[in-house]
Amino acid sequence: MDTKECFEQLVRNRAKHMADAPSLTEQATKLRLNSDAELKAFKLGCWNAMIFDSAQALNLMAYAKQDFRRRLIEKWQEEWN
């Protein structure tokens, strides 16, 4: 597995954990995000930030670019819809 695949797998595993994280739902409730669309947008924003932070922490800035993050998020949306 190359670096890109390893990074994608790392982020995918974290995102699956975040998808069910009660803390995200609690945060959304505190922000008064009531609809499913609002909650989904909130989670996608969190995933986007998590991907960026992970890439930056691992010094893999090529994977922190918006187009890479968008592609990963699109993959997750397909899997979880």
PDB file of N, CA and C in Angstrom:
ATOM      1  N   MET A   1       0.844  -1.170   0.000  1.00  0.00           N
ATOM      2  CA  MET A   1       0.000   0.000   0.000  1.00  0.00           C
ATOM      3  C   MET A   1       0.896   1.243   0.000  1.00  0.00           C
ATOM      4  N   ASP A   2       0.627   2.170  -0.919  1.00  0.00           N
ATOM      5  CA  ASP A   2       1.445   3.384  -0.974  1.00  0.00           C
ATOM      6  C   ASP A   2       0.960   4.413   0.053  1.00  0.00           C
ATOM      7  N   THR A   3       1.670   5.516   0.146  1.00  0.00           N
ATOM      8  CA  THR A   3       1.367   6.537   1.154  1.00  0.00           C
ATOM      9  C   THR A   3      -0.045   7.078   0.998  1.00  0.00           C
ATOM     10  N   LYS A   4      -0.446   7.334  -0.231  1.00  0.00           N
ATOM     11  CA  LYS A   4      -1.782   7.885  -0.469  1.00  0.00           C
ATOM     12  C   LYS A   4      -2.858   6.915   0.006  1.00  0.00           C
ATOM     13  N   GLU A   5      -2.713   5.636  -0.319  1.00  0.00           N
ATOM     14  CA  GLU A   5      -3.691   4.637   0.110  1.00  0.00           C
ATOM     15  C   GLU A   5      -3.715   4.502   1.627  1.00  0.00           C
ATOM     16  N   CYS A   6      -2.539   4.541   2.250  1.00  0.00           N
ATOM     17  CA  CYS A   6      -2.457   4.462   3.714  1.00  0.00           C
ATOM     18  C   CYS A   6      -3.171   5.650   4.351  1.00  0.00           C
ATOM     19  N   PHE A   7      -2.938   6.839   3.794  1.00  0.00           N
ATOM     20  CA  PHE A   7      -3.580   8.032   4.335  1.00  0.00           C
ATOM     21  C   PHE A   7      -5.089   7.955   4.159  1.00  0.00           C
ATOM     22  N   GLU A   8      -5.544   7.533   2.978  1.00  0.00           N
ATOM     23  CA  GLU A   8      -6.982   7.402   2.740  1.00  0.00           C
ATOM     24  C   GLU A   8      -7.607   6.422   3.725  1.00  0.00           C
ATOM     25  N   GLN A   9      -6.928   5.314   3.986  1.00  0.00           N
ATOM     26  CA  GLN A   9      -7.447   4.319   4.927  1.00  0.00           C
ATOM     27  C   GLN A   9      -7.505   4.889   6.343  1.00  0.00           C
ATOM     28  N   LEU A  10      -6.466   5.599   6.750  1.00  0.00           N
ATOM     29  CA  LEU A  10      -6.442   6.234   8.067  1.00  0.00           C
ATOM     30  C   LEU A  10      -7.617   7.191   8.222  1.00  0.00           C
ATOM     31  N   VAL A  11      -7.806   8.044   7.237  1.00  0.00           N
ATOM     32  CA  VAL A  11      -8.878   9.025   7.301  1.00  0.00           C
ATOM     33  C   VAL A  11     -10.239   8.341   7.239  1.00  0.00           C
ATOM     34  N   ARG A  12     -10.376   7.324   6.412  1.00  0.00           N
ATOM     35  CA  ARG A  12     -11.639   6.585   6.310  1.00  0.00           C
ATOM     36  C   ARG A  12     -12.010   5.961   7.654  1.00  0.00           C
ATOM     37  N   ASN A  13     -11.029   5.380   8.334  1.00  0.00           N
ATOM     38  CA  ASN A  13     -11.288   4.777   9.641  1.00  0.00           C
ATOM     39  C   ASN A  13     -11.729   5.826  10.655  1.00  0.00           C
ATOM     40  N   ARG A  14     -11.065   6.970  10.646  1.00  0.00           N
ATOM     41  CA  ARG A  14     -11.446   8.047  11.572  1.00  0.00           C
ATOM     42  C   ARG A  14     -12.838   8.577  11.242  1.00  0.00           C
ATOM     43  N   ALA A  15     -13.139   8.699   9.970  1.00  0.00           N
ATOM     44  CA  ALA A  15     -14.444   9.227   9.568  1.00  0.00           C
ATOM     45  C   ALA A  15     -15.566   8.290   9.973  1.00  0.00           C
ATOM     46  N   LYS A  16     -15.344   6.983   9.853  1.00  0.00           N
ATOM     47  CA  LYS A  16     -16.368   6.025  10.279  1.00  0.00           C
ATOM     48  C   LYS A  16     -16.632   6.169  11.767  1.00  0.00           C
ATOM     49  N   HIS A  17     -15.577   6.384  12.524  1.00  0.00           N
ATOM     50  CA  HIS A  17     -15.725   6.595  13.961  1.00  0.00           C
ATOM     51  C   HIS A  17     -16.498   7.891  14.218  1.00  0.00           C
ATOM     52  N   MET A  18     -16.152   8.943  13.484  1.00  0.00           N
ATOM     53  CA  MET A  18     -16.806  10.235  13.672  1.00  0.00           C
ATOM     54  C   MET A  18     -18.268  10.202  13.251  1.00  0.00           C
ATOM     55  N   ALA A  19     -18.607   9.381  12.271  1.00  0.00           N
ATOM     56  CA  ALA A  19     -19.979   9.335  11.769  1.00  0.00           C
ATOM     57  C   ALA A  19     -20.959   8.952  12.867  1.00  0.00           C
ATOM     58  N   ASP A  20     -20.522   8.116  13.790  1.00  0.00           N
ATOM     59  CA  ASP A  20     -21.384   7.654  14.870  1.00  0.00           C
ATOM     60  C   ASP A  20     -21.074   8.320  16.202  1.00  0.00           C
ATOM     61  N   ALA A  21     -20.160   9.268  16.196  1.00  0.00           N
ATOM     62  CA  ALA A  21     -19.714   9.872  17.453  1.00  0.00           C
ATOM     63  C   ALA A  21     -20.843  10.654  18.117  1.00  0.00           C
ATOM     64  N   PRO A  22     -21.201  10.269  19.338  1.00  0.00           N
ATOM     65  CA  PRO A  22     -22.257  11.004  20.030  1.00  0.00           C
ATOM     66  C   PRO A  22     -21.860  12.448  20.303  1.00  0.00           C
ATOM     67  N   SER A  23     -20.565  12.707  20.443  1.00  0.00           N
ATOM     68  CA  SER A  23     -20.138  14.079  20.729  1.00  0.00           C
ATOM     69  C   SER A  23     -20.484  15.020  19.576  1.00  0.00           C
ATOM     70  N   LEU A  24     -20.400  14.525  18.336  1.00  0.00           N
ATOM     71  CA  LEU A  24     -20.776  15.365  17.196  1.00  0.00           C
ATOM     72  C   LEU A  24     -22.261  15.690  17.242  1.00  0.00           C
ATOM     73  N   THR A  25     -23.078  14.689  17.574  1.00  0.00           N
ATOM     74  CA  THR A  25     -24.515  14.909  17.663  1.00  0.00           C
ATOM     75  C   THR A  25     -24.830  15.872  18.800  1.00  0.00           C
ATOM     76  N   GLU A  26     -24.127  15.712  19.920  1.00  0.00           N
ATOM     77  CA  GLU A  26     -24.325  16.616  21.053  1.00  0.00           C
ATOM     78  C   GLU A  26     -23.930  18.041  20.681  1.00  0.00           C
ATOM     79  N   GLN A  27     -22.804  18.188  19.986  1.00  0.00           N
ATOM     80  CA  GLN A  27     -22.371  19.522  19.555  1.00  0.00           C
ATOM     81  C   GLN A  27     -23.404  20.140  18.616  1.00  0.00           C
ATOM     82  N   ALA A  28     -23.918  19.333  17.697  1.00  0.00           N
ATOM     83  CA  ALA A  28     -24.923  19.831  16.756  1.00  0.00           C
ATOM     84  C   ALA A  28     -26.184  20.265  17.500  1.00  0.00           C
ATOM     85  N   THR A  29     -26.566  19.511  18.525  1.00  0.00           N
ATOM     86  CA  THR A  29     -27.737  19.870  19.325  1.00  0.00           C
ATOM     87  C   THR A  29     -27.512  21.197  20.033  1.00  0.00           C
ATOM     88  N   LYS A  30     -26.322  21.375  20.600  1.00  0.00           N
ATOM     89  CA  LYS A  30     -26.006  22.637  21.281  1.00  0.00           C
ATOM     90  C   LYS A  30     -26.043  23.816  20.313  1.00  0.00           C
ATOM     91  N   LEU A  31     -25.690  23.546  19.050  1.00  0.00           N
ATOM     92  CA  LEU A  31     -25.727  24.594  18.027  1.00  0.00           C
ATOM     93  C   LEU A  31     -27.124  24.756  17.425  1.00  0.00           C
ATOM     94  N   ARG A  32     -28.065  23.969  17.938  1.00  0.00           N
ATOM     95  CA  ARG A  32     -29.466  23.978  17.488  1.00  0.00           C
ATOM     96  C   ARG A  32     -29.602  23.626  16.012  1.00  0.00           C
ATOM     97  N   LEU A  33     -28.835  22.640  15.593  1.00  0.00           N
ATOM     98  CA  LEU A  33     -28.956  22.108  14.237  1.00  0.00           C
ATOM     99  C   LEU A  33     -29.951  20.960  14.324  1.00  0.00           C
ATOM    100  N   ASN A  34     -31.129  21.170  13.806  1.00  0.00           N
ATOM    101  CA  ASN A  34     -32.205  20.212  14.022  1.00  0.00           C
ATOM    102  C   ASN A  34     -32.460  19.273  12.852  1.00  0.00           C
ATOM    103  N   SER A  35     -32.331  19.763  11.643  1.00  0.00           N
ATOM    104  CA  SER A  35     -32.674  18.926  10.496  1.00  0.00           C
ATOM    105  C   SER A  35     -31.532  17.975  10.151  1.00  0.00           C
ATOM    106  N   ASP A  36     -31.872  16.917   9.459  1.00  0.00           N
ATOM    107  CA  ASP A  36     -30.857  15.958   9.009  1.00  0.00           C
ATOM    108  C   ASP A  36     -29.848  16.629   8.084  1.00  0.00           C
ATOM    109  N   ALA A  37     -30.322  17.545   7.239  1.00  0.00           N
ATOM    110  CA  ALA A  37     -29.421  18.235   6.306  1.00  0.00           C
ATOM    111  C   ALA A  37     -28.414  19.086   7.068  1.00  0.00           C
ATOM    112  N   GLU A  38     -28.875  19.774   8.114  1.00  0.00           N
ATOM    113  CA  GLU A  38     -27.964  20.599   8.909  1.00  0.00           C
ATOM    114  C   GLU A  38     -26.938  19.736   9.633  1.00  0.00           C
ATOM    115  N   LEU A  39     -27.395  18.605  10.183  1.00  0.00           N
ATOM    116  CA  LEU A  39     -26.485  17.698  10.884  1.00  0.00           C
ATOM    117  C   LEU A  39     -25.462  17.118   9.912  1.00  0.00           C
ATOM    118  N   LYS A  40     -25.914  16.741   8.718  1.00  0.00           N
ATOM    119  CA  LYS A  40     -25.009  16.186   7.709  1.00  0.00           C
ATOM    120  C   LYS A  40     -23.960  17.218   7.298  1.00  0.00           C
ATOM    121  N   ALA A  41     -24.382  18.458   7.088  1.00  0.00           N
ATOM    122  CA  ALA A  41     -23.437  19.517   6.718  1.00  0.00           C
ATOM    123  C   ALA A  41     -22.422  19.745   7.832  1.00  0.00           C
ATOM    124  N   PHE A  42     -22.882  19.692   9.071  1.00  0.00           N
ATOM    125  CA  PHE A  42     -21.990  19.865  10.219  1.00  0.00           C
ATOM    126  C   PHE A  42     -20.951  18.746  10.257  1.00  0.00           C
ATOM    127  N   LYS A  43     -21.393  17.497  10.067  1.00  0.00           N
ATOM    128  CA  LYS A  43     -20.466  16.362  10.082  1.00  0.00           C
ATOM    129  C   LYS A  43     -19.473  16.445   8.925  1.00  0.00           C
ATOM    130  N   LEU A  44     -19.945  16.838   7.741  1.00  0.00           N
ATOM    131  CA  LEU A  44     -19.036  16.964   6.597  1.00  0.00           C
ATOM    132  C   LEU A  44     -17.977  18.020   6.864  1.00  0.00           C
ATOM    133  N   GLY A  45     -18.376  19.108   7.492  1.00  0.00           N
ATOM    134  CA  GLY A  45     -17.406  20.140   7.853  1.00  0.00           C
ATOM    135  C   GLY A  45     -16.372  19.614   8.831  1.00  0.00           C
ATOM    136  N   CYS A  46     -16.830  18.817   9.794  1.00  0.00           N
ATOM    137  CA  CYS A  46     -15.906  18.217  10.765  1.00  0.00           C
ATOM    138  C   CYS A  46     -14.953  17.258  10.072  1.00  0.00           C
ATOM    139  N   TRP A  47     -15.465  16.446   9.140  1.00  0.00           N
ATOM    140  CA  TRP A  47     -14.603  15.503   8.411  1.00  0.00           C
ATOM    141  C   TRP A  47     -13.567  16.260   7.599  1.00  0.00           C
ATOM    142  N   ASN A  48     -13.999  17.333   6.941  1.00  0.00           N
ATOM    143  CA  ASN A  48     -13.091  18.133   6.124  1.00  0.00           C
ATOM    144  C   ASN A  48     -11.952  18.679   6.979  1.00  0.00           C
ATOM    145  N   ALA A  49     -12.289  19.196   8.145  1.00  0.00           N
ATOM    146  CA  ALA A  49     -11.268  19.725   9.053  1.00  0.00           C
ATOM    147  C   ALA A  49     -10.362  18.612   9.560  1.00  0.00           C
ATOM    148  N   MET A  50     -10.935  17.449   9.849  1.00  0.00           N
ATOM    149  CA  MET A  50     -10.146  16.322  10.346  1.00  0.00           C
ATOM    150  C   MET A  50      -9.153  15.845   9.287  1.00  0.00           C
ATOM    151  N   ILE A  51      -9.582  15.792   8.030  1.00  0.00           N
ATOM    152  CA  ILE A  51      -8.674  15.386   6.951  1.00  0.00           C
ATOM    153  C   ILE A  51      -7.513  16.370   6.857  1.00  0.00           C
ATOM    154  N   PHE A  52      -7.834  17.658   6.884  1.00  0.00           N
ATOM    155  CA  PHE A  52      -6.795  18.685   6.794  1.00  0.00           C
ATOM    156  C   PHE A  52      -5.824  18.567   7.963  1.00  0.00           C
ATOM    157  N   ASP A  53      -6.361  18.451   9.181  1.00  0.00           N
ATOM    158  CA  ASP A  53      -5.511  18.358  10.372  1.00  0.00           C
ATOM    159  C   ASP A  53      -4.627  17.117  10.339  1.00  0.00           C
ATOM    160  N   SER A  54      -5.183  15.992   9.901  1.00  0.00           N
ATOM    161  CA  SER A  54      -4.401  14.751   9.828  1.00  0.00           C
ATOM    162  C   SER A  54      -3.262  14.890   8.831  1.00  0.00           C
ATOM    163  N   ALA A  55      -3.556  15.445   7.665  1.00  0.00           N
ATOM    164  CA  ALA A  55      -2.522  15.624   6.641  1.00  0.00           C
ATOM    165  C   ALA A  55      -1.427  16.560   7.137  1.00  0.00           C
ATOM    166  N   GLN A  56      -1.834  17.629   7.790  1.00  0.00           N
ATOM    167  CA  GLN A  56      -0.862  18.589   8.302  1.00  0.00           C
ATOM    168  C   GLN A  56       0.002  17.949   9.386  1.00  0.00           C
ATOM    169  N   ALA A  57      -0.613  17.201  10.291  1.00  0.00           N
ATOM    170  CA  ALA A  57       0.129  16.560  11.379  1.00  0.00           C
ATOM    171  C   ALA A  57       1.132  15.539  10.852  1.00  0.00           C
ATOM    172  N   LEU A  58       0.771  14.863   9.756  1.00  0.00           N
ATOM    173  CA  LEU A  58       1.646  13.848   9.175  1.00  0.00           C
ATOM    174  C   LEU A  58       2.586  14.437   8.126  1.00  0.00           C
ATOM    175  N   ASN A  59       2.533  15.757   7.948  1.00  0.00           N
ATOM    176  CA  ASN A  59       3.353  16.458   6.963  1.00  0.00           C
ATOM    177  C   ASN A  59       3.100  15.927   5.548  1.00  0.00           C
ATOM    178  N   LEU A  60       1.836  15.663   5.254  1.00  0.00           N
ATOM    179  CA  LEU A  60       1.416  15.203   3.931  1.00  0.00           C
ATOM    180  C   LEU A  60       0.502  16.265   3.320  1.00  0.00           C
ATOM    181  N   MET A  61       1.052  17.444   3.122  1.00  0.00           N
ATOM    182  CA  MET A  61       0.226  18.576   2.720  1.00  0.00           C
ATOM    183  C   MET A  61      -0.432  18.399   1.353  1.00  0.00           C
ATOM    184  N   ALA A  62       0.109  17.544   0.504  1.00  0.00           N
ATOM    185  CA  ALA A  62      -0.546  17.299  -0.786  1.00  0.00           C
ATOM    186  C   ALA A  62      -1.948  16.730  -0.567  1.00  0.00           C
ATOM    187  N   TYR A  63      -2.146  16.022   0.543  1.00  0.00           N
ATOM    188  CA  TYR A  63      -3.446  15.424   0.841  1.00  0.00           C
ATOM    189  C   TYR A  63      -4.352  16.385   1.605  1.00  0.00           C
ATOM    190  N   ALA A  64      -3.841  17.553   1.960  1.00  0.00           N
ATOM    191  CA  ALA A  64      -4.650  18.551   2.657  1.00  0.00           C
ATOM    192  C   ALA A  64      -5.367  19.469   1.671  1.00  0.00           C
ATOM    193  N   LYS A  65      -5.063  19.329   0.391  1.00  0.00           N
ATOM    194  CA  LYS A  65      -5.674  20.200  -0.615  1.00  0.00           C
ATOM    195  C   LYS A  65      -7.178  19.952  -0.689  1.00  0.00           C
ATOM    196  N   GLN A  66      -7.908  21.004  -1.009  1.00  0.00           N
ATOM    197  CA  GLN A  66      -9.367  20.936  -1.041  1.00  0.00           C
ATOM    198  C   GLN A  66      -9.880  19.859  -1.994  1.00  0.00           C
ATOM    199  N   ASP A  67      -9.263  19.699  -3.180  1.00  0.00           N
ATOM    200  CA  ASP A  67      -9.768  18.717  -4.142  1.00  0.00           C
ATOM    201  C   ASP A  67      -9.634  17.299  -3.600  1.00  0.00           C
ATOM    202  N   PHE A  68      -8.560  17.008  -2.879  1.00  0.00           N
ATOM    203  CA  PHE A  68      -8.379  15.679  -2.293  1.00  0.00           C
ATOM    204  C   PHE A  68      -9.419  15.446  -1.203  1.00  0.00           C
ATOM    205  N   ARG A  69      -9.625  16.441  -0.347  1.00  0.00           N
ATOM    206  CA  ARG A  69     -10.608  16.306   0.731  1.00  0.00           C
ATOM    207  C   ARG A  69     -12.007  16.132   0.147  1.00  0.00           C
ATOM    208  N   ARG A  70     -12.320  16.896  -0.892  1.00  0.00           N
ATOM    209  CA  ARG A  70     -13.642  16.789  -1.512  1.00  0.00           C
ATOM    210  C   ARG A  70     -13.863  15.383  -2.069  1.00  0.00           C
ATOM    211  N   ARG A  71     -12.833  14.814  -2.691  1.00  0.00           N
ATOM    212  CA  ARG A  71     -12.964  13.470  -3.266  1.00  0.00           C
ATOM    213  C   ARG A  71     -13.236  12.437  -2.176  1.00  0.00           C
ATOM    214  N   LEU A  72     -12.513  12.531  -1.044  1.00  0.00           N
ATOM    215  CA  LEU A  72     -12.754  11.594   0.051  1.00  0.00           C
ATOM    216  C   LEU A  72     -14.160  11.753   0.617  1.00  0.00           C
ATOM    217  N   ILE A  73     -14.593  12.982   0.796  1.00  0.00           N
ATOM    218  CA  ILE A  73     -15.928  13.232   1.341  1.00  0.00           C
ATOM    219  C   ILE A  73     -16.994  12.699   0.392  1.00  0.00           C
ATOM    220  N   GLU A  74     -16.804  12.859  -0.910  1.00  0.00           N
ATOM    221  CA  GLU A  74     -17.756  12.316  -1.882  1.00  0.00           C
ATOM    222  C   GLU A  74     -17.834  10.796  -1.778  1.00  0.00           C
ATOM    223  N   LYS A  75     -16.686  10.138  -1.571  1.00  0.00           N
ATOM    224  CA  LYS A  75     -16.677   8.679  -1.392  1.00  0.00           C
ATOM    225  C   LYS A  75     -17.515   8.282  -0.181  1.00  0.00           C
ATOM    226  N   TRP A  76     -17.321   9.005   0.934  1.00  0.00           N
ATOM    227  CA  TRP A  76     -18.063   8.674   2.157  1.00  0.00           C
ATOM    228  C   TRP A  76     -19.550   8.912   1.978  1.00  0.00           C
ATOM    229  N   GLN A  77     -19.911   9.988   1.285  1.00  0.00           N
ATOM    230  CA  GLN A  77     -21.322  10.264   1.047  1.00  0.00           C
ATOM    231  C   GLN A  77     -21.963   9.124   0.262  1.00  0.00           C
ATOM    232  N   GLU A  78     -21.261   8.599  -0.720  1.00  0.00           N
ATOM    233  CA  GLU A  78     -21.778   7.477  -1.502  1.00  0.00           C
ATOM    234  C   GLU A  78     -21.968   6.250  -0.626  1.00  0.00           C
ATOM    235  N   GLU A  79     -21.009   5.989   0.267  1.00  0.00           N
ATOM    236  CA  GLU A  79     -21.079   4.816   1.128  1.00  0.00           C
ATOM    237  C   GLU A  79     -22.195   4.917   2.158  1.00  0.00           C
ATOM    238  N   TRP A  80     -22.437   6.117   2.687  1.00  0.00           N
ATOM    239  CA  TRP A  80     -23.355   6.261   3.822  1.00  0.00           C
ATOM    240  C   TRP A  80     -24.718   6.796   3.448  1.00  0.00           C
ATOM    241  N   ASN A  81     -25.010   6.929   2.179  1.00  0.00           N
ATOM    242  CA  ASN A  81     -26.350   7.375   1.768  1.00  0.00           C
ATOM    243  C   ASN A  81     -27.204   6.199   1.406  1.00  0.00           C
TER     244      ASN A  81
END
